[in-house]
């Protein structure tokens, strides 16, 4: 579900100090953006930013980058940052396909995918963020012992994501089909807006943590 277009949203994003403009210029130099050498975690498709902001607030020792394609959605995250500024969080407006142009090899310590677009038609499978095509991109930017965490309430997308692991050379460290009732994986779980909505409707939340 997408928010309605907000007139002038791109202009407001262009003027925001919380958005890194021309992110390709910072490839391999993101530590300079944060002015420290702390680990960098990214969320691809961050929506309105609740997950990223809660993570950044709870973990000041980690730097976070929220990536969002849609201007109207990103604008909501910017508005939240204006109310509660976090020094260890910045945003990028870009398509996920461009991540290898923006981040260098071994520059990212962890990647989060939350409630990604399922792209249900078979011909669009390579556009799904947990696809083997995207796993190859993540492999390029993630440190050798880095992890990727994926959450969804979409059964078909989760099944697809699990099937893509072996062909892409990734392995599952942990898998659950009912996150909120998993005694281990539910500990410290930070919910997204969609997660709160779907779980309140009784939908089970699926999650995996993977590595190479």
Protein backbone atom coordinates (compact mmCIF):
# COMPACT_ATOMS: atom_id res chain seq x y z
CA UNK A 1 0.00 0.00 0.00
CA UNK A 2 1.35 3.38 -0.97
CA UNK A 3 0.54 6.73 0.50
CA UNK A 4 -1.03 9.32 -1.72
CA UNK A 5 1.32 11.71 -3.41
CA UNK A 6 2.13 14.83 -1.44
CA UNK A 7 2.63 17.91 -3.58
CA UNK A 8 6.17 19.20 -3.21
CA UNK A 9 7.46 16.11 -1.40
CA UNK A 10 10.55 15.84 -3.62
CA UNK A 11 11.40 19.47 -3.02
CA UNK A 12 11.04 19.02 0.74
CA UNK A 13 13.27 15.95 0.62
CA UNK A 14 15.87 17.86 -1.40
CA UNK A 15 15.98 20.50 1.34
CA UNK A 16 16.21 18.06 4.24
CA UNK A 17 19.43 17.79 6.24
CA UNK A 18 18.48 14.24 7.21
CA UNK A 19 18.72 12.98 3.63
CA UNK A 20 22.07 12.21 2.02
CA UNK A 21 21.92 13.63 -1.48
CA UNK A 22 24.10 12.22 -4.29
CA UNK A 23 24.87 9.12 -2.17
CA UNK A 24 27.11 7.65 -4.89
CA UNK A 25 29.69 10.25 -3.90
CA UNK A 26 29.99 8.63 -0.47
CA UNK A 27 30.67 5.08 -1.69
CA UNK A 28 33.41 3.64 0.50
CA UNK A 29 33.39 6.77 2.66
CA UNK A 30 30.23 6.50 4.74
CA UNK A 31 32.27 6.72 7.92
CA UNK A 32 32.95 10.33 6.92
CA UNK A 33 29.22 11.04 6.79
CA UNK A 34 28.81 9.85 10.38
CA UNK A 35 32.24 11.16 11.42
CA UNK A 36 33.11 7.87 13.12
CA UNK A 37 34.07 4.27 12.29
CA UNK A 38 31.14 2.53 13.96
CA UNK A 39 29.34 -0.37 12.19
CA UNK A 40 26.76 0.61 9.59
CA UNK A 41 23.38 -1.11 9.34
CA UNK A 42 20.91 -0.40 6.54
CA UNK A 43 17.21 -1.01 6.00
CA UNK A 44 16.08 -1.33 2.41
CA UNK A 45 12.51 -0.16 1.98
CA UNK A 46 12.20 1.53 5.37
CA UNK A 47 8.70 2.95 4.87
CA UNK A 48 7.85 5.71 7.32
CA UNK A 49 10.95 5.04 9.41
CA UNK A 50 9.61 3.75 12.72
CA UNK A 51 11.81 0.63 12.75
CA UNK A 52 14.99 2.53 11.89
CA UNK A 53 14.33 5.30 14.39
CA UNK A 54 13.63 2.87 17.21
CA UNK A 55 16.78 0.91 16.38
CA UNK A 56 18.93 4.04 16.20
CA UNK A 57 17.59 5.34 19.50
CA UNK A 58 18.27 2.01 21.22
CA UNK A 59 21.74 1.53 19.72
CA UNK A 60 23.73 4.78 19.62
CA UNK A 61 26.92 2.77 19.05
CA UNK A 62 25.71 1.79 15.57
CA UNK A 63 25.16 3.97 12.49
CA UNK A 64 21.95 3.46 10.51
CA UNK A 65 20.91 4.29 6.97
CA UNK A 66 17.28 4.06 5.91
CA UNK A 67 16.67 3.58 2.19
CA UNK A 68 13.29 4.38 0.67
CA UNK A 69 12.23 4.63 -2.97
CA UNK A 70 9.00 6.59 -2.60
CA UNK A 71 9.21 10.30 -1.84
CA UNK A 72 5.86 10.55 -0.09
CA UNK A 73 6.77 7.75 2.32
CA UNK A 74 10.25 9.14 2.96
CA UNK A 75 8.72 12.50 3.78
CA UNK A 76 6.91 10.91 6.73
CA UNK A 77 10.22 9.64 8.09
CA UNK A 78 11.78 13.07 7.71
CA UNK A 79 8.91 14.62 9.65
CA UNK A 80 9.51 12.14 12.47
CA UNK A 81 13.21 12.99 12.51
CA UNK A 82 12.39 16.67 12.79
CA UNK A 83 10.52 15.85 15.99
CA UNK A 84 13.16 13.48 17.36
CA UNK A 85 16.57 14.01 15.77
CA UNK A 86 18.97 11.07 15.90
CA UNK A 87 22.66 11.69 15.11
CA UNK A 88 23.32 8.08 14.07
CA UNK A 89 20.60 7.88 11.40
CA UNK A 90 20.39 9.26 7.86
CA UNK A 91 18.08 8.59 4.93
CA UNK A 92 18.57 7.98 1.21
CA UNK A 93 15.90 8.21 -1.48
CA UNK A 94 16.87 5.63 -4.09
CA UNK A 95 15.92 2.36 -5.74
CA UNK A 96 17.32 -0.75 -4.07
CA UNK A 97 18.88 -1.85 -7.36
CA UNK A 98 21.45 0.93 -6.96
CA UNK A 99 22.95 -0.21 -3.64
CA UNK A 100 26.20 -1.42 -5.19
CA UNK A 101 26.69 2.04 -6.67
CA UNK A 102 26.28 3.60 -3.23
CA UNK A 103 28.10 1.20 -0.88
CA UNK A 104 31.55 -0.34 -1.28
CA UNK A 105 32.61 -3.93 -0.69
CA UNK A 106 32.41 -4.93 2.99
CA UNK A 107 31.07 -1.50 3.99
CA UNK A 108 27.82 -2.67 5.62
CA UNK A 109 27.59 -4.83 8.77
CA UNK A 110 23.89 -5.75 8.68
CA UNK A 111 20.93 -5.45 6.30
CA UNK A 112 17.25 -5.36 7.24
CA UNK A 113 14.34 -6.13 4.91
CA UNK A 114 10.91 -5.59 6.43
CA UNK A 115 7.56 -6.31 4.78
CA UNK A 116 8.96 -5.90 1.30
CA UNK A 117 6.77 -5.64 -1.79
CA UNK A 118 5.91 -9.29 -2.71
CA UNK A 119 5.81 -8.67 -6.47
CA UNK A 120 3.41 -11.64 -6.80
CA UNK A 121 3.69 -12.20 -10.56
CA UNK A 122 6.33 -14.79 -11.50
CA UNK A 123 7.85 -12.55 -14.17
CA UNK A 124 8.69 -10.00 -11.46
CA UNK A 125 10.48 -12.48 -9.16
CA UNK A 126 13.87 -10.84 -9.63
CA UNK A 127 12.46 -7.58 -8.28
CA UNK A 128 11.70 -9.17 -4.90
CA UNK A 129 14.20 -7.96 -2.31
CA UNK A 130 14.96 -11.50 -0.99
CA UNK A 131 15.56 -12.84 -4.53
CA UNK A 132 18.87 -14.40 -5.54
CA UNK A 133 19.49 -11.37 -7.75
CA UNK A 134 19.31 -9.05 -4.76
CA UNK A 135 21.18 -11.50 -2.51
CA UNK A 136 24.06 -11.19 -4.98
CA UNK A 137 23.99 -7.41 -4.50
CA UNK A 138 23.92 -7.75 -0.72
CA UNK A 139 26.88 -10.11 -0.93
CA UNK A 140 28.91 -7.33 -2.51
CA UNK A 141 28.42 -4.76 0.26
CA UNK A 142 28.07 -6.89 3.41
CA UNK A 143 31.08 -7.69 5.61
CA UNK A 144 32.14 -11.39 5.55
CA UNK A 145 30.42 -12.26 8.84
CA UNK A 146 27.50 -9.89 8.28
CA UNK A 147 23.87 -10.87 8.65
CA UNK A 148 20.65 -10.12 6.80
CA UNK A 149 17.31 -10.12 8.66
CA UNK A 150 14.01 -10.40 6.80
CA UNK A 151 10.46 -10.12 8.17
CA UNK A 152 7.14 -10.50 6.37
CA UNK A 153 3.58 -11.68 6.87
CA UNK A 154 3.37 -12.94 3.27
CA UNK A 155 3.58 -16.75 3.18
CA UNK A 156 4.37 -17.00 -0.52
CA UNK A 157 7.13 -14.40 -0.31
CA UNK A 158 8.68 -16.11 2.71
CA UNK A 159 8.62 -19.52 1.01
CA UNK A 160 10.21 -17.93 -2.05
CA UNK A 161 12.88 -16.26 0.10
CA UNK A 162 13.84 -19.56 1.71
CA UNK A 163 14.04 -21.30 -1.68
CA UNK A 164 16.42 -18.62 -2.98
CA UNK A 165 19.05 -19.13 -0.26
CA UNK A 166 20.84 -22.24 -1.52
CA UNK A 167 21.08 -21.15 -5.19
CA UNK A 168 22.48 -17.81 -4.01
CA UNK A 169 25.03 -19.36 -1.65
CA UNK A 170 23.43 -18.17 1.59
CA UNK A 171 22.51 -20.15 4.71
CA UNK A 172 19.82 -19.72 7.36
CA UNK A 173 21.00 -19.06 10.88
CA UNK A 174 17.47 -18.83 12.29
CA UNK A 175 13.96 -19.23 10.86
CA UNK A 176 10.55 -18.78 12.43
CA UNK A 177 7.02 -18.75 11.07
CA UNK A 178 5.59 -17.18 14.21
CA UNK A 179 8.00 -14.51 15.40
CA UNK A 180 5.90 -13.11 18.21
CA UNK A 181 5.58 -16.55 19.83
CA UNK A 182 9.21 -17.55 19.27
CA UNK A 183 10.92 -17.41 22.68
CA UNK A 184 14.35 -16.70 21.17
CA UNK A 185 13.75 -14.50 18.13
CA UNK A 186 11.05 -12.42 19.77
CA UNK A 187 13.50 -11.13 22.38
CA UNK A 188 14.30 -7.49 21.66
CA UNK A 189 12.12 -7.49 18.55
CA UNK A 190 11.39 -4.00 17.25
CA UNK A 191 8.18 -3.77 15.26
CA UNK A 192 7.51 -1.85 12.07
CA UNK A 193 4.25 -0.06 11.38
CA UNK A 194 3.10 -2.91 9.14
CA UNK A 195 4.17 -5.54 11.67
CA UNK A 196 2.05 -3.97 14.39
CA UNK A 197 -0.93 -3.71 12.04
CA UNK A 198 -0.72 -7.23 10.64
CA UNK A 199 0.00 -8.94 13.95
CA UNK A 200 -2.97 -7.15 15.55
CA UNK A 201 -5.10 -8.79 12.84
CA UNK A 202 -3.84 -12.19 13.95
CA UNK A 203 -1.39 -12.67 11.08
CA UNK A 204 1.74 -14.66 12.00
CA UNK A 205 5.00 -12.84 11.29
CA UNK A 206 7.75 -14.76 9.51
CA UNK A 207 11.42 -14.02 9.99
CA UNK A 208 14.80 -15.36 8.99
CA UNK A 209 18.39 -14.39 9.75
CA UNK A 210 20.84 -15.45 7.03
CA UNK A 211 24.57 -15.39 6.33
CA UNK A 212 27.06 -16.59 3.69
